[in-house]
Amino acid sequence: MDVPHDAVLLRIFTSTADRCGAYPLYQAIVHRAREMHLAGATVLRGPIGFGHSVRLHEGKLLPVRQDLPVVIEIVDSPEKIDSFLPVLDTMMESGLVTLETAKVLQYGRQRHTMLQRLKTQFGRHPHVA
């Protein structure tokens, strides 16, 4: 799937304890993003964190219930991210969502070298030979 060069990074902060129906929220978000053909999603689990509740989310040696911070990152065009936000709104009870403009350099079998892409995309820069 092609990722647009001018894209938006959607970052969702939640925890492993948050649910969406019978599934962990992070899993439900990634599956829904895939169903909607978004370009890609990654889940990152943190060892410790806190949010608006100021309650510390951390793993224990013998946890009864894991409650670790989770960040879901999704990158796609502004239009596709905008169409995903109302869906996300129905899935989340709490959490934090951020949006950032992103420049995407995608690698694959049909790619140019990184240097050629940088020159093409950003023009000649004094630090790029």
N, C-alpha and C. Protein backbone atom coordinates (compact mmCIF):
# COMPACT_ATOMS: atom_id res chain seq x y z
N MET A 1 0.84 -1.17 0.00
CA MET A 1 0.00 0.00 0.00
C MET A 1 0.89 1.24 0.00
N ASP A 2 0.57 2.22 -0.81
CA ASP A 2 1.37 3.43 -0.89
C ASP A 2 1.02 4.40 0.22
N VAL A 3 2.04 4.96 0.80
CA VAL A 3 1.88 6.01 1.80
C VAL A 3 2.13 7.33 1.09
N PRO A 4 1.23 8.31 1.25
CA PRO A 4 1.47 9.60 0.59
C PRO A 4 2.71 10.27 1.17
N HIS A 5 3.40 11.06 0.34
CA HIS A 5 4.61 11.75 0.81
C HIS A 5 4.27 12.84 1.81
N ASP A 6 3.15 13.53 1.63
CA ASP A 6 2.66 14.48 2.61
C ASP A 6 1.56 13.77 3.38
N ALA A 7 1.83 13.47 4.63
CA ALA A 7 0.93 12.62 5.39
C ALA A 7 0.68 13.22 6.77
N VAL A 8 -0.16 12.53 7.53
CA VAL A 8 -0.45 12.89 8.91
C VAL A 8 -0.12 11.69 9.78
N LEU A 9 0.53 11.96 10.90
CA LEU A 9 0.81 10.94 11.90
C LEU A 9 -0.23 11.09 13.00
N LEU A 10 -1.04 10.07 13.17
CA LEU A 10 -2.04 10.01 14.24
C LEU A 10 -1.42 9.18 15.35
N ARG A 11 -1.33 9.75 16.53
CA ARG A 11 -0.73 9.05 17.67
C ARG A 11 -1.79 8.96 18.77
N ILE A 12 -2.05 7.74 19.23
CA ILE A 12 -3.09 7.48 20.23
C ILE A 12 -2.43 6.93 21.48
N PHE A 13 -2.62 7.60 22.60
CA PHE A 13 -2.05 7.19 23.88
C PHE A 13 -3.15 6.54 24.72
N THR A 14 -2.92 5.31 25.14
CA THR A 14 -3.91 4.58 25.93
C THR A 14 -3.16 3.58 26.81
N SER A 15 -3.83 2.55 27.29
CA SER A 15 -3.14 1.53 28.10
C SER A 15 -3.61 0.14 27.71
N THR A 16 -2.85 -0.86 28.13
CA THR A 16 -3.21 -2.25 27.80
C THR A 16 -4.49 -2.67 28.49
N ALA A 17 -4.88 -1.97 29.55
CA ALA A 17 -6.10 -2.33 30.28
C ALA A 17 -7.36 -1.81 29.60
N ASP A 18 -7.24 -0.81 28.72
CA ASP A 18 -8.42 -0.25 28.04
C ASP A 18 -8.97 -1.26 27.05
N ARG A 19 -10.31 -1.32 26.99
CA ARG A 19 -10.98 -2.31 26.16
C ARG A 19 -11.92 -1.64 25.16
N CYS A 20 -12.21 -2.38 24.11
CA CYS A 20 -13.24 -2.01 23.14
C CYS A 20 -14.03 -3.30 22.91
N GLY A 21 -15.13 -3.42 23.60
CA GLY A 21 -15.88 -4.68 23.56
C GLY A 21 -15.06 -5.77 24.25
N ALA A 22 -14.90 -6.90 23.58
CA ALA A 22 -14.18 -8.04 24.15
C ALA A 22 -12.67 -7.97 23.91
N TYR A 23 -12.19 -6.96 23.18
CA TYR A 23 -10.79 -6.90 22.76
C TYR A 23 -10.05 -5.76 23.44
N PRO A 24 -8.73 -5.89 23.57
CA PRO A 24 -7.95 -4.74 24.01
C PRO A 24 -8.14 -3.59 23.00
N LEU A 25 -8.24 -2.37 23.50
CA LEU A 25 -8.49 -1.22 22.65
C LEU A 25 -7.44 -1.10 21.55
N TYR A 26 -6.17 -1.28 21.88
CA TYR A 26 -5.12 -1.12 20.88
C TYR A 26 -5.29 -2.12 19.74
N GLN A 27 -5.72 -3.34 20.05
CA GLN A 27 -5.95 -4.35 19.02
C GLN A 27 -7.14 -3.96 18.14
N ALA A 28 -8.21 -3.51 18.77
CA ALA A 28 -9.41 -3.12 18.03
C ALA A 28 -9.12 -1.95 17.09
N ILE A 29 -8.31 -0.98 17.55
CA ILE A 29 -7.97 0.17 16.72
C ILE A 29 -7.18 -0.26 15.49
N VAL A 30 -6.17 -1.11 15.69
CA VAL A 30 -5.34 -1.56 14.58
C VAL A 30 -6.17 -2.35 13.57
N HIS A 31 -7.03 -3.24 14.05
CA HIS A 31 -7.88 -4.02 13.14
C HIS A 31 -8.83 -3.13 12.35
N ARG A 32 -9.39 -2.12 13.02
CA ARG A 32 -10.32 -1.21 12.32
C ARG A 32 -9.56 -0.36 11.30
N ALA A 33 -8.37 0.09 11.64
CA ALA A 33 -7.55 0.87 10.70
C ALA A 33 -7.24 0.02 9.47
N ARG A 34 -6.95 -1.24 9.68
CA ARG A 34 -6.67 -2.15 8.55
C ARG A 34 -7.90 -2.36 7.68
N GLU A 35 -9.06 -2.54 8.32
CA GLU A 35 -10.32 -2.69 7.58
C GLU A 35 -10.61 -1.47 6.72
N MET A 36 -10.22 -0.30 7.20
CA MET A 36 -10.47 0.95 6.48
C MET A 36 -9.35 1.28 5.50
N HIS A 37 -8.40 0.35 5.34
CA HIS A 37 -7.30 0.46 4.36
C HIS A 37 -6.40 1.65 4.63
N LEU A 38 -6.14 1.96 5.90
CA LEU A 38 -5.14 2.97 6.21
C LEU A 38 -3.77 2.39 5.90
N ALA A 39 -2.82 3.25 5.65
CA ALA A 39 -1.51 2.82 5.13
C ALA A 39 -0.71 1.96 6.10
N GLY A 40 -0.84 2.19 7.40
CA GLY A 40 -0.07 1.39 8.34
C GLY A 40 -0.33 1.81 9.76
N ALA A 41 -0.10 0.88 10.69
CA ALA A 41 -0.27 1.15 12.12
C ALA A 41 0.76 0.34 12.89
N THR A 42 1.25 0.92 13.97
CA THR A 42 2.21 0.26 14.84
C THR A 42 1.80 0.50 16.29
N VAL A 43 1.90 -0.54 17.11
CA VAL A 43 1.61 -0.42 18.53
C VAL A 43 2.93 -0.49 19.29
N LEU A 44 3.15 0.48 20.16
CA LEU A 44 4.34 0.55 21.00
C LEU A 44 3.91 0.44 22.46
N ARG A 45 4.49 -0.50 23.19
CA ARG A 45 4.15 -0.68 24.59
C ARG A 45 5.27 -0.09 25.44
N GLY A 46 4.90 0.74 26.40
CA GLY A 46 5.89 1.36 27.28
C GLY A 46 5.98 0.65 28.61
N PRO A 47 7.13 0.73 29.26
CA PRO A 47 7.29 0.08 30.56
C PRO A 47 6.63 0.84 31.72
N ILE A 48 6.45 2.17 31.55
CA ILE A 48 5.86 2.98 32.61
C ILE A 48 5.34 4.29 32.02
N GLY A 49 4.29 4.84 32.61
CA GLY A 49 3.75 6.12 32.16
C GLY A 49 2.57 6.54 33.02
N PHE A 50 2.08 7.76 32.80
CA PHE A 50 0.87 8.22 33.45
C PHE A 50 0.18 9.21 32.54
N GLY A 51 -1.10 9.43 32.81
CA GLY A 51 -1.90 10.33 31.99
C GLY A 51 -2.70 11.27 32.86
N HIS A 52 -3.91 11.62 32.38
CA HIS A 52 -4.73 12.61 33.08
C HIS A 52 -5.13 12.17 34.48
N SER A 53 -5.22 10.87 34.72
CA SER A 53 -5.61 10.39 36.05
C SER A 53 -4.44 10.46 37.05
N VAL A 54 -3.23 10.68 36.57
CA VAL A 54 -2.00 10.76 37.34
C VAL A 54 -1.67 9.41 38.00
N ARG A 55 -2.45 8.39 37.70
CA ARG A 55 -2.16 7.05 38.20
C ARG A 55 -1.03 6.47 37.37
N LEU A 56 -0.03 5.92 38.03
CA LEU A 56 1.12 5.36 37.34
C LEU A 56 0.75 4.02 36.72
N HIS A 57 1.01 3.89 35.43
CA HIS A 57 0.79 2.63 34.70
C HIS A 57 2.15 1.97 34.55
N GLU A 58 2.32 0.83 35.18
CA GLU A 58 3.61 0.15 35.09
C GLU A 58 3.42 -1.34 35.26
N GLY A 59 4.37 -2.08 34.72
CA GLY A 59 4.37 -3.53 34.88
C GLY A 59 4.94 -3.91 36.23
N LYS A 60 4.45 -4.99 36.78
CA LYS A 60 4.94 -5.52 38.04
C LYS A 60 5.61 -6.86 37.78
N LEU A 61 6.36 -7.32 38.74
CA LEU A 61 7.04 -8.60 38.60
C LEU A 61 6.03 -9.73 38.41
N LEU A 62 5.01 -9.78 39.24
CA LEU A 62 3.95 -10.79 39.13
C LEU A 62 2.61 -10.08 39.03
N PRO A 63 2.30 -9.53 37.89
CA PRO A 63 1.09 -8.71 37.78
C PRO A 63 -0.18 -9.56 37.79
N VAL A 64 -1.17 -9.08 38.54
CA VAL A 64 -2.49 -9.68 38.46
C VAL A 64 -3.14 -9.22 37.18
N ARG A 65 -2.98 -7.93 36.89
CA ARG A 65 -3.51 -7.36 35.65
C ARG A 65 -2.48 -6.38 35.11
N GLN A 66 -2.00 -6.61 33.91
CA GLN A 66 -1.05 -5.68 33.31
C GLN A 66 -1.78 -4.39 32.94
N ASP A 67 -1.19 -3.28 33.26
CA ASP A 67 -1.74 -1.98 32.90
C ASP A 67 -0.59 -1.10 32.43
N LEU A 68 -0.09 -1.39 31.22
CA LEU A 68 1.06 -0.69 30.68
C LEU A 68 0.60 0.37 29.69
N PRO A 69 1.36 1.46 29.56
CA PRO A 69 1.03 2.46 28.56
C PRO A 69 1.24 1.90 27.15
N VAL A 70 0.38 2.32 26.24
CA VAL A 70 0.44 1.89 24.84
C VAL A 70 0.27 3.12 23.96
N VAL A 71 1.08 3.18 22.90
CA VAL A 71 0.94 4.23 21.88
C VAL A 71 0.70 3.53 20.56
N ILE A 72 -0.37 3.94 19.86
CA ILE A 72 -0.67 3.42 18.53
C ILE A 72 -0.35 4.54 17.55
N GLU A 73 0.48 4.26 16.56
CA GLU A 73 0.82 5.26 15.55
C GLU A 73 0.28 4.81 14.20
N ILE A 74 -0.42 5.72 13.53
CA ILE A 74 -1.01 5.45 12.22
C ILE A 74 -0.62 6.60 11.30
N VAL A 75 -0.12 6.27 10.11
CA VAL A 75 0.28 7.29 9.14
C VAL A 75 -0.52 7.10 7.86
N ASP A 76 -1.10 8.19 7.37
CA ASP A 76 -1.80 8.17 6.08
C ASP A 76 -2.08 9.59 5.66
N SER A 77 -2.83 9.74 4.58
CA SER A 77 -3.17 11.07 4.06
C SER A 77 -4.08 11.79 5.05
N PRO A 78 -4.09 13.11 5.00
CA PRO A 78 -4.98 13.86 5.89
C PRO A 78 -6.45 13.44 5.74
N GLU A 79 -6.87 13.16 4.51
CA GLU A 79 -8.27 12.78 4.27
C GLU A 79 -8.60 11.44 4.93
N LYS A 80 -7.71 10.47 4.81
CA LYS A 80 -7.98 9.16 5.40
C LYS A 80 -7.93 9.21 6.93
N ILE A 81 -7.00 9.99 7.48
CA ILE A 81 -6.95 10.14 8.94
C ILE A 81 -8.21 10.84 9.42
N ASP A 82 -8.64 11.89 8.71
CA ASP A 82 -9.88 12.59 9.08
C ASP A 82 -11.08 11.67 9.08
N SER A 83 -11.13 10.74 8.12
CA SER A 83 -12.26 9.81 8.08
C SER A 83 -12.18 8.75 9.18
N PHE A 84 -10.98 8.52 9.73
CA PHE A 84 -10.81 7.54 10.79
C PHE A 84 -11.15 8.12 12.17
N LEU A 85 -11.01 9.43 12.34
CA LEU A 85 -11.22 10.05 13.65
C LEU A 85 -12.62 9.82 14.23
N PRO A 86 -13.71 9.94 13.46
CA PRO A 86 -15.03 9.65 14.03
C PRO A 86 -15.18 8.18 14.48
N VAL A 87 -14.54 7.27 13.76
CA VAL A 87 -14.56 5.85 14.13
C VAL A 87 -13.81 5.69 15.46
N LEU A 88 -12.65 6.31 15.57
CA LEU A 88 -11.86 6.25 16.79
C LEU A 88 -12.64 6.81 17.97
N ASP A 89 -13.40 7.87 17.72
CA ASP A 89 -14.21 8.50 18.77
C ASP A 89 -15.22 7.52 19.37
N THR A 90 -15.76 6.63 18.55
CA THR A 90 -16.73 5.65 19.05
C THR A 90 -16.06 4.52 19.83
N MET A 91 -14.76 4.33 19.63
CA MET A 91 -14.05 3.22 20.25
C MET A 91 -13.43 3.57 21.61
N MET A 92 -13.06 4.83 21.78
CA MET A 92 -12.28 5.23 22.96
C MET A 92 -13.16 5.85 24.04
N GLU A 93 -12.95 5.43 25.29
CA GLU A 93 -13.60 6.07 26.43
C GLU A 93 -12.71 7.15 27.02
N SER A 94 -11.39 6.89 27.00
CA SER A 94 -10.43 7.87 27.50
C SER A 94 -9.12 7.66 26.77
N GLY A 95 -8.27 8.64 26.88
CA GLY A 95 -6.97 8.56 26.22
C GLY A 95 -6.64 9.92 25.63
N LEU A 96 -5.53 9.97 24.93
CA LEU A 96 -5.06 11.20 24.32
C LEU A 96 -4.73 10.91 22.86
N VAL A 97 -5.09 11.83 21.98
CA VAL A 97 -4.83 11.68 20.56
C VAL A 97 -4.09 12.92 20.08
N THR A 98 -3.01 12.72 19.32
CA THR A 98 -2.29 13.84 18.72
C THR A 98 -2.20 13.63 17.22
N LEU A 99 -2.11 14.74 16.49
CA LEU A 99 -1.96 14.73 15.04
C LEU A 99 -0.76 15.57 14.68
N GLU A 100 0.09 15.05 13.80
CA GLU A 100 1.26 15.79 13.34
C GLU A 100 1.38 15.66 11.83
N THR A 101 1.84 16.73 11.20
CA THR A 101 2.17 16.67 9.78
C THR A 101 3.46 15.88 9.65
N ALA A 102 3.52 15.01 8.64
CA ALA A 102 4.71 14.18 8.45
C ALA A 102 5.13 14.15 6.99
N LYS A 103 6.43 14.13 6.76
CA LYS A 103 6.99 13.86 5.43
C LYS A 103 7.39 12.40 5.43
N VAL A 104 6.97 11.66 4.43
CA VAL A 104 7.21 10.22 4.40
C VAL A 104 8.21 9.86 3.32
N LEU A 105 9.20 9.09 3.69
CA LEU A 105 10.13 8.48 2.74
C LEU A 105 9.88 6.97 2.83
N GLN A 106 9.34 6.40 1.79
CA GLN A 106 8.98 4.98 1.82
C GLN A 106 10.02 4.16 1.07
N TYR A 107 10.40 3.04 1.67
CA TYR A 107 11.38 2.16 1.07
C TYR A 107 10.72 0.86 0.63
N GLY A 108 11.24 0.29 -0.43
CA GLY A 108 10.74 -0.96 -0.97
C GLY A 108 11.60 -1.38 -2.14
N ARG A 109 11.18 -2.39 -2.87
CA ARG A 109 11.97 -2.92 -3.98
C ARG A 109 12.13 -1.91 -5.13
N GLN A 110 11.17 -1.05 -5.36
CA GLN A 110 11.21 -0.10 -6.46
C GLN A 110 11.73 1.26 -6.03
N ARG A 111 12.54 1.32 -4.99
CA ARG A 111 12.95 2.60 -4.42
C ARG A 111 14.22 3.15 -5.07
N HIS A 112 14.38 4.46 -4.94
CA HIS A 112 15.63 5.13 -5.28
C HIS A 112 16.47 5.14 -4.01
N THR A 113 17.69 5.52 -4.10
CA THR A 113 18.50 5.62 -2.89
C THR A 113 17.97 6.76 -2.04
N MET A 114 18.27 6.71 -0.75
CA MET A 114 17.82 7.75 0.17
C MET A 114 18.34 9.11 -0.25
N LEU A 115 19.58 9.18 -0.67
CA LEU A 115 20.18 10.45 -1.07
C LEU A 115 19.44 11.05 -2.27
N GLN A 116 19.11 10.23 -3.27
CA GLN A 116 18.38 10.73 -4.43
C GLN A 116 17.01 11.26 -4.02
N ARG A 117 16.32 10.55 -3.13
CA ARG A 117 15.01 11.01 -2.66
C ARG A 117 15.10 12.33 -1.93
N LEU A 118 16.09 12.44 -1.05
CA LEU A 118 16.26 13.68 -0.31
C LEU A 118 16.53 14.85 -1.23
N LYS A 119 17.40 14.65 -2.22
CA LYS A 119 17.70 15.71 -3.18
C LYS A 119 16.46 16.11 -3.95
N THR A 120 15.69 15.14 -4.39
CA THR A 120 14.48 15.42 -5.16
C THR A 120 13.43 16.12 -4.32
N GLN A 121 13.24 15.62 -3.11
CA GLN A 121 12.16 16.14 -2.28
C GLN A 121 12.47 17.48 -1.63
N PHE A 122 13.72 17.69 -1.22
CA PHE A 122 14.04 18.89 -0.46
C PHE A 122 14.99 19.82 -1.19
N GLY A 123 15.41 19.47 -2.37
CA GLY A 123 16.36 20.31 -3.08
C GLY A 123 17.76 20.10 -2.52
N ARG A 124 18.70 20.81 -3.11
CA ARG A 124 20.10 20.65 -2.68
C ARG A 124 20.31 21.33 -1.34
N HIS A 125 20.88 20.62 -0.41
CA HIS A 125 21.14 21.12 0.93
C HIS A 125 22.65 21.12 1.14
N PRO A 126 23.20 22.10 1.89
CA PRO A 126 24.65 22.18 2.06
C PRO A 126 25.27 20.91 2.66
N HIS A 127 24.51 20.16 3.47
CA HIS A 127 25.06 18.95 4.10
C HIS A 127 24.86 17.71 3.27
N VAL A 128 24.13 17.83 2.16
CA VAL A 128 23.90 16.67 1.29
C VAL A 128 24.76 16.83 0.05
N ALA A 129 25.66 15.88 -0.18
CA ALA A 129 26.59 15.97 -1.31
C ALA A 129 25.89 15.74 -2.63
